[in-house]
Amino acid sequence: PEIAFLLDGRLGPRTLMQLGYDRAVSEFDID
């Protein structure tokens, strides 16, 4: 992909990051 996102395993921050990522991917035309 054009953009690669690396996440670590701490549950709380990871969940928030995943939420932000999912929202952006759903709204923007990004790979």
PDB file of all heavy atoms in Angstrom:
ATOM      1  N   PRO A   1       0.831  -1.207   0.000  1.00  0.00           N
ATOM      2  CA  PRO A   1       0.000   0.000   0.000  1.00  0.00           C
ATOM      3  C   PRO A   1       0.864   1.254   0.000  1.00  0.00           C
ATOM      4  O   PRO A   1       2.055   1.208   0.322  1.00  0.00           O
ATOM      5  CB  PRO A   1      -0.793  -0.127   1.299  1.00  0.00           C
ATOM      6  CG  PRO A   1       0.080  -0.939   2.197  1.00  0.00           C
ATOM      7  CD  PRO A   1       0.780  -1.920   1.295  1.00  0.00           C
ATOM      8  N   GLU A   2       0.263   2.354  -0.346  1.00  0.00           N
ATOM      9  CA  GLU A   2       0.991   3.627  -0.319  1.00  0.00           C
ATOM     10  C   GLU A   2       1.282   4.060   1.112  1.00  0.00           C
ATOM     11  O   GLU A   2       2.300   4.685   1.388  1.00  0.00           O
ATOM     12  CB  GLU A   2       0.168   4.702  -1.030  1.00  0.00           C
ATOM     13  CG  GLU A   2       0.865   6.053  -1.107  1.00  0.00           C
ATOM     14  CD  GLU A   2       0.020   7.115  -1.781  1.00  0.00           C
ATOM     15  OE1 GLU A   2      -1.195   7.155  -1.522  1.00  0.00           O
ATOM     16  OE2 GLU A   2       0.580   7.907  -2.555  1.00  0.00           O
ATOM     17  N   ILE A   3       0.382   3.704   2.026  1.00  0.00           N
ATOM     18  CA  ILE A   3       0.516   4.082   3.438  1.00  0.00           C
ATOM     19  C   ILE A   3       0.508   2.818   4.282  1.00  0.00           C
ATOM     20  O   ILE A   3      -0.401   1.992   4.169  1.00  0.00           O
ATOM     21  CB  ILE A   3      -0.651   4.993   3.876  1.00  0.00           C
ATOM     22  CG1 ILE A   3      -0.746   6.229   2.987  1.00  0.00           C
ATOM     23  CG2 ILE A   3      -0.503   5.389   5.340  1.00  0.00           C
ATOM     24  CD1 ILE A   3      -2.046   6.994   3.158  1.00  0.00           C
ATOM     25  N   ALA A   4       1.518   2.660   5.115  1.00  0.00           N
ATOM     26  CA  ALA A   4       1.589   1.501   6.017  1.00  0.00           C
ATOM     27  C   ALA A   4       1.570   1.984   7.454  1.00  0.00           C
ATOM     28  O   ALA A   4       2.311   2.906   7.819  1.00  0.00           O
ATOM     29  CB  ALA A   4       2.851   0.687   5.757  1.00  0.00           C
ATOM     30  N   PHE A   5       0.723   1.351   8.259  1.00  0.00           N
ATOM     31  CA  PHE A   5       0.566   1.768   9.644  1.00  0.00           C
ATOM     32  C   PHE A   5       1.009   0.640  10.558  1.00  0.00           C
ATOM     33  O   PHE A   5       0.489  -0.467  10.492  1.00  0.00           O
ATOM     34  CB  PHE A   5      -0.904   2.101   9.908  1.00  0.00           C
ATOM     35  CG  PHE A   5      -1.094   3.092  11.010  1.00  0.00           C
ATOM     36  CD1 PHE A   5      -1.494   4.383  10.748  1.00  0.00           C
ATOM     37  CD2 PHE A   5      -0.856   2.732  12.324  1.00  0.00           C
ATOM     38  CE1 PHE A   5      -1.662   5.289  11.764  1.00  0.00           C
ATOM     39  CE2 PHE A   5      -1.015   3.627  13.347  1.00  0.00           C
ATOM     40  CZ  PHE A   5      -1.423   4.921  13.067  1.00  0.00           C
ATOM     41  N   LEU A   6       1.971   0.933  11.442  1.00  0.00           N
ATOM     42  CA  LEU A   6       2.482  -0.045  12.396  1.00  0.00           C
ATOM     43  C   LEU A   6       1.890   0.230  13.770  1.00  0.00           C
ATOM     44  O   LEU A   6       2.020   1.329  14.305  1.00  0.00           O
ATOM     45  CB  LEU A   6       4.006   0.030  12.479  1.00  0.00           C
ATOM     46  CG  LEU A   6       4.783  -0.449  11.248  1.00  0.00           C
ATOM     47  CD1 LEU A   6       6.266  -0.155  11.424  1.00  0.00           C
ATOM     48  CD2 LEU A   6       4.565  -1.937  11.035  1.00  0.00           C
ATOM     49  N   LEU A   7       1.238  -0.773  14.340  1.00  0.00           N
ATOM     50  CA  LEU A   7       0.659  -0.648  15.669  1.00  0.00           C
ATOM     51  C   LEU A   7       1.342  -1.598  16.630  1.00  0.00           C
ATOM     52  O   LEU A   7       1.725  -2.708  16.258  1.00  0.00           O
ATOM     53  CB  LEU A   7      -0.839  -0.972  15.637  1.00  0.00           C
ATOM     54  CG  LEU A   7      -1.764   0.032  14.940  1.00  0.00           C
ATOM     55  CD1 LEU A   7      -3.199  -0.470  15.009  1.00  0.00           C
ATOM     56  CD2 LEU A   7      -1.656   1.397  15.576  1.00  0.00           C
ATOM     57  N   ASP A   8       1.469  -1.154  17.890  1.00  0.00           N
ATOM     58  CA  ASP A   8       1.938  -2.074  18.917  1.00  0.00           C
ATOM     59  C   ASP A   8       0.720  -2.659  19.627  1.00  0.00           C
ATOM     60  O   ASP A   8      -0.407  -2.475  19.185  1.00  0.00           O
ATOM     61  CB  ASP A   8       2.912  -1.386  19.883  1.00  0.00           C
ATOM     62  CG  ASP A   8       2.242  -0.299  20.711  1.00  0.00           C
ATOM     63  OD1 ASP A   8       1.008  -0.143  20.602  1.00  0.00           O
ATOM     64  OD2 ASP A   8       2.951   0.395  21.464  1.00  0.00           O
ATOM     65  N   GLY A   9       0.950  -3.374  20.732  1.00  0.00           N
ATOM     66  CA  GLY A   9      -0.119  -4.183  21.277  1.00  0.00           C
ATOM     67  C   GLY A   9      -0.837  -3.653  22.488  1.00  0.00           C
ATOM     68  O   GLY A   9      -1.713  -4.325  23.006  1.00  0.00           O
ATOM     69  N   ARG A  10      -0.514  -2.472  23.006  1.00  0.00           N
ATOM     70  CA  ARG A  10      -1.203  -1.993  24.202  1.00  0.00           C
ATOM     71  C   ARG A  10      -2.651  -1.679  23.856  1.00  0.00           C
ATOM     72  O   ARG A  10      -2.941  -0.866  22.981  1.00  0.00           O
ATOM     73  CB  ARG A  10      -0.499  -0.763  24.770  1.00  0.00           C
ATOM     74  CG  ARG A  10      -1.037  -0.396  26.139  1.00  0.00           C
ATOM     75  CD  ARG A  10      -0.242   0.700  26.778  1.00  0.00           C
ATOM     76  NE  ARG A  10      -1.023   1.239  27.898  1.00  0.00           N
ATOM     77  CZ  ARG A  10      -1.061   2.504  28.213  1.00  0.00           C
ATOM     78  NH1 ARG A  10      -0.375   3.382  27.516  1.00  0.00           N
ATOM     79  NH2 ARG A  10      -1.785   2.913  29.225  1.00  0.00           N
ATOM     80  N   LEU A  11      -3.563  -2.310  24.564  1.00  0.00           N
ATOM     81  CA  LEU A  11      -4.952  -2.393  24.140  1.00  0.00           C
ATOM     82  C   LEU A  11      -5.633  -1.046  23.976  1.00  0.00           C
ATOM     83  O   LEU A  11      -6.226  -0.752  22.938  1.00  0.00           O
ATOM     84  CB  LEU A  11      -5.743  -3.249  25.131  1.00  0.00           C
ATOM     85  CG  LEU A  11      -7.198  -3.531  24.754  1.00  0.00           C
ATOM     86  CD1 LEU A  11      -7.268  -4.316  23.455  1.00  0.00           C
ATOM     87  CD2 LEU A  11      -7.897  -4.267  25.883  1.00  0.00           C
ATOM     88  N   GLY A  12      -5.590  -0.189  25.007  1.00  0.00           N
ATOM     89  CA  GLY A  12      -6.334   1.058  24.955  1.00  0.00           C
ATOM     90  C   GLY A  12      -5.912   1.967  23.814  1.00  0.00           C
ATOM     91  O   GLY A  12      -6.727   2.336  22.956  1.00  0.00           O
ATOM     92  N   PRO A  13      -4.625   2.384  23.762  1.00  0.00           N
ATOM     93  CA  PRO A  13      -4.176   3.225  22.651  1.00  0.00           C
ATOM     94  C   PRO A  13      -4.356   2.556  21.292  1.00  0.00           C
ATOM     95  O   PRO A  13      -4.708   3.217  20.310  1.00  0.00           O
ATOM     96  CB  PRO A  13      -2.689   3.456  22.972  1.00  0.00           C
ATOM     97  CG  PRO A  13      -2.612   3.324  24.451  1.00  0.00           C
ATOM     98  CD  PRO A  13      -3.600   2.248  24.804  1.00  0.00           C
ATOM     99  N   ARG A  14      -4.115   1.255  21.220  1.00  0.00           N
ATOM    100  CA  ARG A  14      -4.266   0.566  19.942  1.00  0.00           C
ATOM    101  C   ARG A  14      -5.707   0.660  19.448  1.00  0.00           C
ATOM    102  O   ARG A  14      -5.962   0.878  18.259  1.00  0.00           O
ATOM    103  CB  ARG A  14      -3.857  -0.900  20.082  1.00  0.00           C
ATOM    104  CG  ARG A  14      -3.931  -1.677  18.763  1.00  0.00           C
ATOM    105  CD  ARG A  14      -3.618  -3.155  18.971  1.00  0.00           C
ATOM    106  NE  ARG A  14      -3.764  -3.878  17.707  1.00  0.00           N
ATOM    107  CZ  ARG A  14      -2.752  -4.324  16.982  1.00  0.00           C
ATOM    108  NH1 ARG A  14      -1.514  -4.115  17.382  1.00  0.00           N
ATOM    109  NH2 ARG A  14      -2.961  -4.970  15.860  1.00  0.00           N
ATOM    110  N   THR A  15      -6.663   0.505  20.357  1.00  0.00           N
ATOM    111  CA  THR A  15      -8.067   0.595  19.976  1.00  0.00           C
ATOM    112  C   THR A  15      -8.403   1.975  19.443  1.00  0.00           C
ATOM    113  O   THR A  15      -9.092   2.113  18.425  1.00  0.00           O
ATOM    114  CB  THR A  15      -8.962   0.261  21.179  1.00  0.00           C
ATOM    115  OG1 THR A  15      -8.670  -1.061  21.630  1.00  0.00           O
ATOM    116  CG2 THR A  15     -10.431   0.355  20.811  1.00  0.00           C
ATOM    117  N   LEU A  16      -7.907   3.021  20.115  1.00  0.00           N
ATOM    118  CA  LEU A  16      -8.157   4.388  19.650  1.00  0.00           C
ATOM    119  C   LEU A  16      -7.507   4.625  18.285  1.00  0.00           C
ATOM    120  O   LEU A  16      -8.104   5.249  17.395  1.00  0.00           O
ATOM    121  CB  LEU A  16      -7.629   5.391  20.668  1.00  0.00           C
ATOM    122  CG  LEU A  16      -8.451   5.560  21.948  1.00  0.00           C
ATOM    123  CD1 LEU A  16      -7.723   6.462  22.932  1.00  0.00           C
ATOM    124  CD2 LEU A  16      -9.827   6.123  21.639  1.00  0.00           C
ATOM    125  N   MET A  17      -6.279   4.153  18.117  1.00  0.00           N
ATOM    126  CA  MET A  17      -5.605   4.317  16.831  1.00  0.00           C
ATOM    127  C   MET A  17      -6.362   3.609  15.721  1.00  0.00           C
ATOM    128  O   MET A  17      -6.515   4.133  14.616  1.00  0.00           O
ATOM    129  CB  MET A  17      -4.170   3.792  16.928  1.00  0.00           C
ATOM    130  CG  MET A  17      -3.271   4.649  17.782  1.00  0.00           C
ATOM    131  SD  MET A  17      -1.606   3.955  17.898  1.00  0.00           S
ATOM    132  CE  MET A  17      -0.830   5.210  18.911  1.00  0.00           C
ATOM    133  N   GLN A  18      -6.828   2.424  16.026  1.00  0.00           N
ATOM    134  CA  GLN A  18      -7.590   1.666  15.034  1.00  0.00           C
ATOM    135  C   GLN A  18      -8.866   2.421  14.643  1.00  0.00           C
ATOM    136  O   GLN A  18      -9.243   2.453  13.468  1.00  0.00           O
ATOM    137  CB  GLN A  18      -7.955   0.303  15.596  1.00  0.00           C
ATOM    138  CG  GLN A  18      -8.694  -0.599  14.629  1.00  0.00           C
ATOM    139  CD  GLN A  18      -7.775  -1.292  13.640  1.00  0.00           C
ATOM    140  OE1 GLN A  18      -6.806  -1.941  14.034  1.00  0.00           O
ATOM    141  NE2 GLN A  18      -8.069  -1.152  12.357  1.00  0.00           N
ATOM    142  N   LEU A  19      -9.505   3.056  15.625  1.00  0.00           N
ATOM    143  CA  LEU A  19     -10.711   3.834  15.329  1.00  0.00           C
ATOM    144  C   LEU A  19     -10.406   4.988  14.384  1.00  0.00           C
ATOM    145  O   LEU A  19     -11.136   5.233  13.416  1.00  0.00           O
ATOM    146  CB  LEU A  19     -11.319   4.369  16.636  1.00  0.00           C
ATOM    147  CG  LEU A  19     -12.049   3.368  17.525  1.00  0.00           C
ATOM    148  CD1 LEU A  19     -12.431   4.021  18.851  1.00  0.00           C
ATOM    149  CD2 LEU A  19     -13.294   2.842  16.823  1.00  0.00           C
ATOM    150  N   GLY A  20      -9.323   5.716  14.684  1.00  0.00           N
ATOM    151  CA  GLY A  20      -8.948   6.830  13.816  1.00  0.00           C
ATOM    152  C   GLY A  20      -8.579   6.371  12.416  1.00  0.00           C
ATOM    153  O   GLY A  20      -8.957   7.003  11.419  1.00  0.00           O
ATOM    154  N   TYR A  21      -7.852   5.264  12.357  1.00  0.00           N
ATOM    155  CA  TYR A  21      -7.455   4.693  11.062  1.00  0.00           C
ATOM    156  C   TYR A  21      -8.685   4.260  10.265  1.00  0.00           C
ATOM    157  O   TYR A  21      -8.822   4.581   9.079  1.00  0.00           O
ATOM    158  CB  TYR A  21      -6.530   3.511  11.313  1.00  0.00           C
ATOM    159  CG  TYR A  21      -6.182   2.708  10.079  1.00  0.00           C
ATOM    160  CD1 TYR A  21      -5.101   3.069   9.275  1.00  0.00           C
ATOM    161  CD2 TYR A  21      -6.924   1.581   9.731  1.00  0.00           C
ATOM    162  CE1 TYR A  21      -4.774   2.328   8.145  1.00  0.00           C
ATOM    163  CE2 TYR A  21      -6.611   0.841   8.607  1.00  0.00           C
ATOM    164  CZ  TYR A  21      -5.536   1.213   7.819  1.00  0.00           C
ATOM    165  OH  TYR A  21      -5.218   0.477   6.700  1.00  0.00           O
ATOM    166  N   ASP A  22      -9.590   3.523  10.911  1.00  0.00           N
ATOM    167  CA  ASP A  22     -10.782   3.030  10.212  1.00  0.00           C
ATOM    168  C   ASP A  22     -11.631   4.181   9.687  1.00  0.00           C
ATOM    169  O   ASP A  22     -12.157   4.121   8.568  1.00  0.00           O
ATOM    170  CB  ASP A  22     -11.611   2.154  11.149  1.00  0.00           C
ATOM    171  CG  ASP A  22     -10.936   0.821  11.467  1.00  0.00           C
ATOM    172  OD1 ASP A  22     -10.003   0.449  10.730  1.00  0.00           O
ATOM    173  OD2 ASP A  22     -11.356   0.170  12.443  1.00  0.00           O
ATOM    174  N   ARG A  23     -11.772   5.221  10.487  1.00  0.00           N
ATOM    175  CA  ARG A  23     -12.567   6.366  10.053  1.00  0.00           C
ATOM    176  C   ARG A  23     -11.933   7.031   8.838  1.00  0.00           C
ATOM    177  O   ARG A  23     -12.620   7.358   7.866  1.00  0.00           O
ATOM    178  CB  ARG A  23     -12.708   7.366  11.199  1.00  0.00           C
ATOM    179  CG  ARG A  23     -13.522   8.603  10.832  1.00  0.00           C
ATOM    180  CD  ARG A  23     -13.489   9.644  11.928  1.00  0.00           C
ATOM    181  NE  ARG A  23     -14.058  10.900  11.465  1.00  0.00           N
ATOM    182  CZ  ARG A  23     -13.866  12.068  12.062  1.00  0.00           C
ATOM    183  NH1 ARG A  23     -13.110  12.151  13.154  1.00  0.00           N
ATOM    184  NH2 ARG A  23     -14.417  13.169  11.571  1.00  0.00           N
ATOM    185  N   ALA A  24     -10.613   7.234   8.892  1.00  0.00           N
ATOM    186  CA  ALA A  24      -9.933   7.896   7.778  1.00  0.00           C
ATOM    187  C   ALA A  24     -10.023   7.061   6.506  1.00  0.00           C
ATOM    188  O   ALA A  24     -10.288   7.588   5.418  1.00  0.00           O
ATOM    189  CB  ALA A  24      -8.475   8.156   8.145  1.00  0.00           C
ATOM    190  N   VAL A  25      -9.816   5.762   6.623  1.00  0.00           N
ATOM    191  CA  VAL A  25      -9.859   4.893   5.449  1.00  0.00           C
ATOM    192  C   VAL A  25     -11.256   4.890   4.829  1.00  0.00           C
ATOM    193  O   VAL A  25     -11.411   4.835   3.605  1.00  0.00           O
ATOM    194  CB  VAL A  25      -9.424   3.464   5.820  1.00  0.00           C
ATOM    195  CG1 VAL A  25      -9.722   2.478   4.704  1.00  0.00           C
ATOM    196  CG2 VAL A  25      -7.938   3.440   6.166  1.00  0.00           C
ATOM    197  N   SER A  26     -12.275   4.983   5.673  1.00  0.00           N
ATOM    198  CA  SER A  26     -13.645   4.970   5.164  1.00  0.00           C
ATOM    199  C   SER A  26     -14.029   6.294   4.501  1.00  0.00           C
ATOM    200  O   SER A  26     -14.900   6.328   3.633  1.00  0.00           O
ATOM    201  CB  SER A  26     -14.628   4.651   6.289  1.00  0.00           C
ATOM    202  OG  SER A  26     -14.686   5.710   7.231  1.00  0.00           O
ATOM    203  N   GLU A  27     -13.374   7.391   4.900  1.00  0.00           N
ATOM    204  CA  GLU A  27     -13.760   8.706   4.396  1.00  0.00           C
ATOM    205  C   GLU A  27     -12.854   9.238   3.293  1.00  0.00           C
ATOM    206  O   GLU A  27     -13.289  10.041   2.465  1.00  0.00           O
ATOM    207  CB  GLU A  27     -13.789   9.720   5.550  1.00  0.00           C
ATOM    208  CG  GLU A  27     -14.857   9.445   6.588  1.00  0.00           C
ATOM    209  CD  GLU A  27     -14.902  10.503   7.669  1.00  0.00           C
ATOM    210  OE1 GLU A  27     -14.307  11.594   7.459  1.00  0.00           O
ATOM    211  OE2 GLU A  27     -15.524  10.255   8.724  1.00  0.00           O
ATOM    212  N   PHE A  28     -11.582   8.821   3.302  1.00  0.00           N
ATOM    213  CA  PHE A  28     -10.627   9.382   2.343  1.00  0.00           C
ATOM    214  C   PHE A  28     -10.299   8.351   1.263  1.00  0.00           C
ATOM    215  O   PHE A  28     -10.369   7.146   1.476  1.00  0.00           O
ATOM    216  CB  PHE A  28      -9.330   9.809   3.037  1.00  0.00           C
ATOM    217  CG  PHE A  28      -9.537  10.693   4.236  1.00  0.00           C
ATOM    218  CD1 PHE A  28      -8.716  10.580   5.345  1.00  0.00           C
ATOM    219  CD2 PHE A  28     -10.566  11.630   4.263  1.00  0.00           C
ATOM    220  CE1 PHE A  28      -8.896  11.385   6.450  1.00  0.00           C
ATOM    221  CE2 PHE A  28     -10.757  12.444   5.365  1.00  0.00           C
ATOM    222  CZ  PHE A  28      -9.921  12.313   6.468  1.00  0.00           C
ATOM    223  N   ASP A  29      -9.880   8.843   0.140  1.00  0.00           N
ATOM    224  CA  ASP A  29      -9.462   7.976  -0.954  1.00  0.00           C
ATOM    225  C   ASP A  29      -7.974   7.677  -0.796  1.00  0.00           C
ATOM    226  O   ASP A  29      -7.122   8.301  -1.430  1.00  0.00           O
ATOM    227  CB  ASP A  29      -9.729   8.659  -2.295  1.00  0.00           C
ATOM    228  CG  ASP A  29      -9.381   7.750  -3.471  1.00  0.00           C
ATOM    229  OD1 ASP A  29      -9.305   6.524  -3.262  1.00  0.00           O
ATOM    230  OD2 ASP A  29      -9.166   8.286  -4.582  1.00  0.00           O
ATOM    231  N   ILE A  30      -7.673   6.728   0.107  1.00  0.00           N
ATOM    232  CA  ILE A  30      -6.276   6.401   0.383  1.00  0.00           C
ATOM    233  C   ILE A  30      -6.062   4.902   0.262  1.00  0.00           C
ATOM    234  O   ILE A  30      -6.973   4.104   0.471  1.00  0.00           O
ATOM    235  CB  ILE A  30      -5.830   6.877   1.785  1.00  0.00           C
ATOM    236  CG1 ILE A  30      -6.726   6.284   2.882  1.00  0.00           C
ATOM    237  CG2 ILE A  30      -5.817   8.395   1.862  1.00  0.00           C
ATOM    238  CD1 ILE A  30      -6.292   6.642   4.285  1.00  0.00           C
ATOM    239  N   ASP A  31      -4.840   4.540  -0.064  1.00  0.00           N
ATOM    240  CA  ASP A  31      -4.419   3.143  -0.168  1.00  0.00           C
ATOM    241  C   ASP A  31      -3.569   2.843   1.056  1.00  0.00           C
ATOM    242  O   ASP A  31      -2.412   3.266   1.124  1.00  0.00           O
ATOM    243  CB  ASP A  31      -3.635   2.939  -1.467  1.00  0.00           C
ATOM    244  CG  ASP A  31      -3.051   1.537  -1.580  1.00  0.00           C
ATOM    245  OD1 ASP A  31      -3.613   0.613  -0.951  1.00  0.00           O
ATOM    246  OD2 ASP A  31      -2.026   1.381  -2.280  1.00  0.00           O
TER     247      ASP A  31
END
